[in-house]
Amino acid sequence: MPKTKFENIVFTLFMSFLMVYAMIFYNIALNMGGMSNQVFLLAFHELVIM
């Protein structure tokens, strides 16, 4: 766990990025009817927009 203010900020940003990516990934996988390699790329492309 973070011990300094800087580590706390970096940890917060990283976890926010990861959570948003996971939610986008899940929604795209549901819309496509399952997981595939294309879902990873589509989720990353959508993340840039978000």
PDB file of N, CA and C in Angstrom:
ATOM      1  N   MET A   1       0.838  -1.182   0.000  1.00  0.00           N
ATOM      2  CA  MET A   1       0.000   0.000   0.000  1.00  0.00           C
ATOM      3  C   MET A   1       0.882   1.244   0.000  1.00  0.00           C
ATOM      4  N   PRO A   2       0.350   2.341  -0.547  1.00  0.00           N
ATOM      5  CA  PRO A   2       1.146   3.566  -0.635  1.00  0.00           C
ATOM      6  C   PRO A   2       1.474   4.141   0.741  1.00  0.00           C
ATOM      7  N   LYS A   3       2.666   4.678   0.851  1.00  0.00           N
ATOM      8  CA  LYS A   3       3.102   5.257   2.119  1.00  0.00           C
ATOM      9  C   LYS A   3       3.258   6.765   2.039  1.00  0.00           C
ATOM     10  N   THR A   4       3.559   7.285   0.849  1.00  0.00           N
ATOM     11  CA  THR A   4       3.724   8.731   0.697  1.00  0.00           C
ATOM     12  C   THR A   4       2.571   9.293  -0.126  1.00  0.00           C
ATOM     13  N   LYS A   5       2.469  10.611  -0.129  1.00  0.00           N
ATOM     14  CA  LYS A   5       1.405  11.269  -0.893  1.00  0.00           C
ATOM     15  C   LYS A   5       1.547  10.985  -2.391  1.00  0.00           C
ATOM     16  N   PHE A   6       2.767  11.019  -2.903  1.00  0.00           N
ATOM     17  CA  PHE A   6       3.010  10.737  -4.317  1.00  0.00           C
ATOM     18  C   PHE A   6       2.602   9.315  -4.670  1.00  0.00           C
ATOM     19  N   GLU A   7       2.989   8.349  -3.842  1.00  0.00           N
ATOM     20  CA  GLU A   7       2.606   6.958  -4.092  1.00  0.00           C
ATOM     21  C   GLU A   7       1.091   6.805  -4.055  1.00  0.00           C
ATOM     22  N   ASN A   8       0.430   7.523  -3.181  1.00  0.00           N
ATOM     23  CA  ASN A   8      -1.022   7.465  -3.084  1.00  0.00           C
ATOM     24  C   ASN A   8      -1.675   7.990  -4.362  1.00  0.00           C
ATOM     25  N   ILE A   9      -1.157   9.074  -4.908  1.00  0.00           N
ATOM     26  CA  ILE A   9      -1.701   9.644  -6.141  1.00  0.00           C
ATOM     27  C   ILE A   9      -1.499   8.688  -7.315  1.00  0.00           C
ATOM     28  N   VAL A  10      -0.292   8.125  -7.430  1.00  0.00           N
ATOM     29  CA  VAL A  10      -0.001   7.186  -8.513  1.00  0.00           C
ATOM     30  C   VAL A  10      -0.879   5.943  -8.387  1.00  0.00           C
ATOM     31  N   PHE A  11      -1.026   5.432  -7.185  1.00  0.00           N
ATOM     32  CA  PHE A  11      -1.864   4.256  -6.946  1.00  0.00           C
ATOM     33  C   PHE A  11      -3.316   4.536  -7.323  1.00  0.00           C
ATOM     34  N   THR A  12      -3.822   5.703  -6.957  1.00  0.00           N
ATOM     35  CA  THR A  12      -5.199   6.077  -7.266  1.00  0.00           C
ATOM     36  C   THR A  12      -5.415   6.168  -8.771  1.00  0.00           C
ATOM     37  N   LEU A  13      -4.490   6.814  -9.474  1.00  0.00           N
ATOM     38  CA  LEU A  13      -4.614   6.938 -10.925  1.00  0.00           C
ATOM     39  C   LEU A  13      -4.552   5.576 -11.608  1.00  0.00           C
ATOM     40  N   PHE A  14      -3.642   4.718 -11.159  1.00  0.00           N
ATOM     41  CA  PHE A  14      -3.500   3.393 -11.751  1.00  0.00           C
ATOM     42  C   PHE A  14      -4.759   2.552 -11.527  1.00  0.00           C
ATOM     43  N   MET A  15      -5.292   2.588 -10.330  1.00  0.00           N
ATOM     44  CA  MET A  15      -6.482   1.795 -10.031  1.00  0.00           C
ATOM     45  C   MET A  15      -7.702   2.329 -10.771  1.00  0.00           C
ATOM     46  N   SER A  16      -7.798   3.630 -10.933  1.00  0.00           N
ATOM     47  CA  SER A  16      -8.899   4.210 -11.701  1.00  0.00           C
ATOM     48  C   SER A  16      -8.814   3.775 -13.160  1.00  0.00           C
ATOM     49  N   PHE A  17      -7.618   3.854 -13.738  1.00  0.00           N
ATOM     50  CA  PHE A  17      -7.397   3.420 -15.116  1.00  0.00           C
ATOM     51  C   PHE A  17      -7.789   1.955 -15.281  1.00  0.00           C
ATOM     52  N   LEU A  18      -7.340   1.117 -14.363  1.00  0.00           N
ATOM     53  CA  LEU A  18      -7.614  -0.314 -14.444  1.00  0.00           C
ATOM     54  C   LEU A  18      -9.111  -0.621 -14.307  1.00  0.00           C
ATOM     55  N   MET A  19      -9.793   0.072 -13.416  1.00  0.00           N
ATOM     56  CA  MET A  19     -11.220  -0.174 -13.213  1.00  0.00           C
ATOM     57  C   MET A  19     -12.036   0.260 -14.425  1.00  0.00           C
ATOM     58  N   VAL A  20     -11.711   1.411 -14.989  1.00  0.00           N
ATOM     59  CA  VAL A  20     -12.424   1.879 -16.178  1.00  0.00           C
ATOM     60  C   VAL A  20     -12.189   0.918 -17.336  1.00  0.00           C
ATOM     61  N   TYR A  21     -10.947   0.455 -17.516  1.00  0.00           N
ATOM     62  CA  TYR A  21     -10.651  -0.503 -18.585  1.00  0.00           C
ATOM     63  C   TYR A  21     -11.446  -1.790 -18.386  1.00  0.00           C
ATOM     64  N   ALA A  22     -11.519  -2.270 -17.167  1.00  0.00           N
ATOM     65  CA  ALA A  22     -12.248  -3.512 -16.890  1.00  0.00           C
ATOM     66  C   ALA A  22     -13.738  -3.356 -17.190  1.00  0.00           C
ATOM     67  N   MET A  23     -14.318  -2.218 -16.842  1.00  0.00           N
ATOM     68  CA  MET A  23     -15.738  -2.006 -17.111  1.00  0.00           C
ATOM     69  C   MET A  23     -16.013  -1.900 -18.613  1.00  0.00           C
ATOM     70  N   ILE A  24     -15.145  -1.202 -19.335  1.00  0.00           N
ATOM     71  CA  ILE A  24     -15.302  -1.098 -20.792  1.00  0.00           C
ATOM     72  C   ILE A  24     -15.142  -2.477 -21.431  1.00  0.00           C
ATOM     73  N   PHE A  25     -14.139  -3.222 -20.983  1.00  0.00           N
ATOM     74  CA  PHE A  25     -13.898  -4.567 -21.500  1.00  0.00           C
ATOM     75  C   PHE A  25     -15.130  -5.455 -21.293  1.00  0.00           C
ATOM     76  N   TYR A  26     -15.692  -5.400 -20.115  1.00  0.00           N
ATOM     77  CA  TYR A  26     -16.865  -6.220 -19.791  1.00  0.00           C
ATOM     78  C   TYR A  26     -18.046  -5.865 -20.697  1.00  0.00           C
ATOM     79  N   ASN A  27     -18.305  -4.578 -20.870  1.00  0.00           N
ATOM     80  CA  ASN A  27     -19.427  -4.152 -21.706  1.00  0.00           C
ATOM     81  C   ASN A  27     -19.243  -4.564 -23.163  1.00  0.00           C
ATOM     82  N   ILE A  28     -18.042  -4.424 -23.694  1.00  0.00           N
ATOM     83  CA  ILE A  28     -17.792  -4.830 -25.078  1.00  0.00           C
ATOM     84  C   ILE A  28     -17.926  -6.339 -25.226  1.00  0.00           C
ATOM     85  N   ALA A  29     -17.419  -7.082 -24.252  1.00  0.00           N
ATOM     86  CA  ALA A  29     -17.529  -8.547 -24.310  1.00  0.00           C
ATOM     87  C   ALA A  29     -18.993  -8.979 -24.282  1.00  0.00           C
ATOM     88  N   LEU A  30     -19.815  -8.300 -23.495  1.00  0.00           N
ATOM     89  CA  LEU A  30     -21.247  -8.632 -23.477  1.00  0.00           C
ATOM     90  C   LEU A  30     -21.887  -8.336 -24.820  1.00  0.00           C
ATOM     91  N   ASN A  31     -21.550  -7.198 -25.408  1.00  0.00           N
ATOM     92  CA  ASN A  31     -22.143  -6.823 -26.691  1.00  0.00           C
ATOM     93  C   ASN A  31     -21.714  -7.753 -27.824  1.00  0.00           C
ATOM     94  N   MET A  32     -20.482  -8.263 -27.765  1.00  0.00           N
ATOM     95  CA  MET A  32     -19.983  -9.139 -28.824  1.00  0.00           C
ATOM     96  C   MET A  32     -20.365 -10.598 -28.589  1.00  0.00           C
ATOM     97  N   GLY A  33     -20.889 -10.908 -27.442  1.00  0.00           N
ATOM     98  CA  GLY A  33     -21.317 -12.273 -27.160  1.00  0.00           C
ATOM     99  C   GLY A  33     -20.218 -13.163 -26.613  1.00  0.00           C
ATOM    100  N   GLY A  34     -19.121 -12.604 -26.174  1.00  0.00           N
ATOM    101  CA  GLY A  34     -18.043 -13.389 -25.590  1.00  0.00           C
ATOM    102  C   GLY A  34     -16.709 -12.673 -25.708  1.00  0.00           C
ATOM    103  N   MET A  35     -15.696 -13.303 -25.153  1.00  0.00           N
ATOM    104  CA  MET A  35     -14.371 -12.700 -25.177  1.00  0.00           C
ATOM    105  C   MET A  35     -13.581 -13.200 -26.382  1.00  0.00           C
ATOM    106  N   SER A  36     -12.798 -12.301 -26.941  1.00  0.00           N
ATOM    107  CA  SER A  36     -11.881 -12.650 -28.016  1.00  0.00           C
ATOM    108  C   SER A  36     -10.719 -11.667 -27.954  1.00  0.00           C
ATOM    109  N   ASN A  37      -9.712 -11.905 -28.759  1.00  0.00           N
ATOM    110  CA  ASN A  37      -8.563 -11.001 -28.768  1.00  0.00           C
ATOM    111  C   ASN A  37      -8.953  -9.604 -29.229  1.00  0.00           C
ATOM    112  N   GLN A  38      -9.950  -9.518 -30.072  1.00  0.00           N
ATOM    113  CA  GLN A  38     -10.388  -8.226 -30.581  1.00  0.00           C
ATOM    114  C   GLN A  38     -10.972  -7.355 -29.461  1.00  0.00           C
ATOM    115  N   VAL A  39     -11.559  -7.969 -28.449  1.00  0.00           N
ATOM    116  CA  VAL A  39     -12.171  -7.210 -27.356  1.00  0.00           C
ATOM    117  C   VAL A  39     -11.120  -6.391 -26.613  1.00  0.00           C
ATOM    118  N   PHE A  40      -9.922  -6.945 -26.427  1.00  0.00           N
ATOM    119  CA  PHE A  40      -8.852  -6.220 -25.734  1.00  0.00           C
ATOM    120  C   PHE A  40      -8.503  -4.931 -26.478  1.00  0.00           C
ATOM    121  N   LEU A  41      -8.381  -5.027 -27.796  1.00  0.00           N
ATOM    122  CA  LEU A  41      -8.029  -3.850 -28.585  1.00  0.00           C
ATOM    123  C   LEU A  41      -9.173  -2.842 -28.646  1.00  0.00           C
ATOM    124  N   LEU A  42     -10.386  -3.325 -28.804  1.00  0.00           N
ATOM    125  CA  LEU A  42     -11.531  -2.419 -28.840  1.00  0.00           C
ATOM    126  C   LEU A  42     -11.702  -1.687 -27.504  1.00  0.00           C
ATOM    127  N   ALA A  43     -11.477  -2.391 -26.406  1.00  0.00           N
ATOM    128  CA  ALA A  43     -11.596  -1.760 -25.087  1.00  0.00           C
ATOM    129  C   ALA A  43     -10.517  -0.697 -24.902  1.00  0.00           C
ATOM    130  N   PHE A  44      -9.305  -0.976 -25.371  1.00  0.00           N
ATOM    131  CA  PHE A  44      -8.242   0.016 -25.242  1.00  0.00           C
ATOM    132  C   PHE A  44      -8.538   1.234 -26.106  1.00  0.00           C
ATOM    133  N   HIS A  45      -9.061   1.006 -27.301  1.00  0.00           N
ATOM    134  CA  HIS A  45      -9.415   2.130 -28.179  1.00  0.00           C
ATOM    135  C   HIS A  45     -10.510   2.980 -27.539  1.00  0.00           C
ATOM    136  N   GLU A  46     -11.473   2.338 -26.915  1.00  0.00           N
ATOM    137  CA  GLU A  46     -12.553   3.050 -26.241  1.00  0.00           C
ATOM    138  C   GLU A  46     -12.029   3.797 -25.012  1.00  0.00           C
ATOM    139  N   LEU A  47     -11.044   3.240 -24.350  1.00  0.00           N
ATOM    140  CA  LEU A  47     -10.461   3.887 -23.165  1.00  0.00           C
ATOM    141  C   LEU A  47      -9.814   5.212 -23.515  1.00  0.00           C
ATOM    142  N   VAL A  48      -9.178   5.271 -24.675  1.00  0.00           N
ATOM    143  CA  VAL A  48      -8.550   6.519 -25.116  1.00  0.00           C
ATOM    144  C   VAL A  48      -9.614   7.606 -25.276  1.00  0.00           C
ATOM    145  N   ILE A  49     -10.790   7.216 -25.755  1.00  0.00           N
ATOM    146  CA  ILE A  49     -11.874   8.170 -25.929  1.00  0.00           C
ATOM    147  C   ILE A  49     -12.398   8.636 -24.571  1.00  0.00           C
ATOM    148  N   MET A  50     -12.508   7.711 -23.639  1.00  0.00           N
ATOM    149  CA  MET A  50     -13.021   8.052 -22.305  1.00  0.00           C
ATOM    150  C   MET A  50     -12.076   8.991 -21.595  1.00  0.00           C
TER     151      MET A  50
END
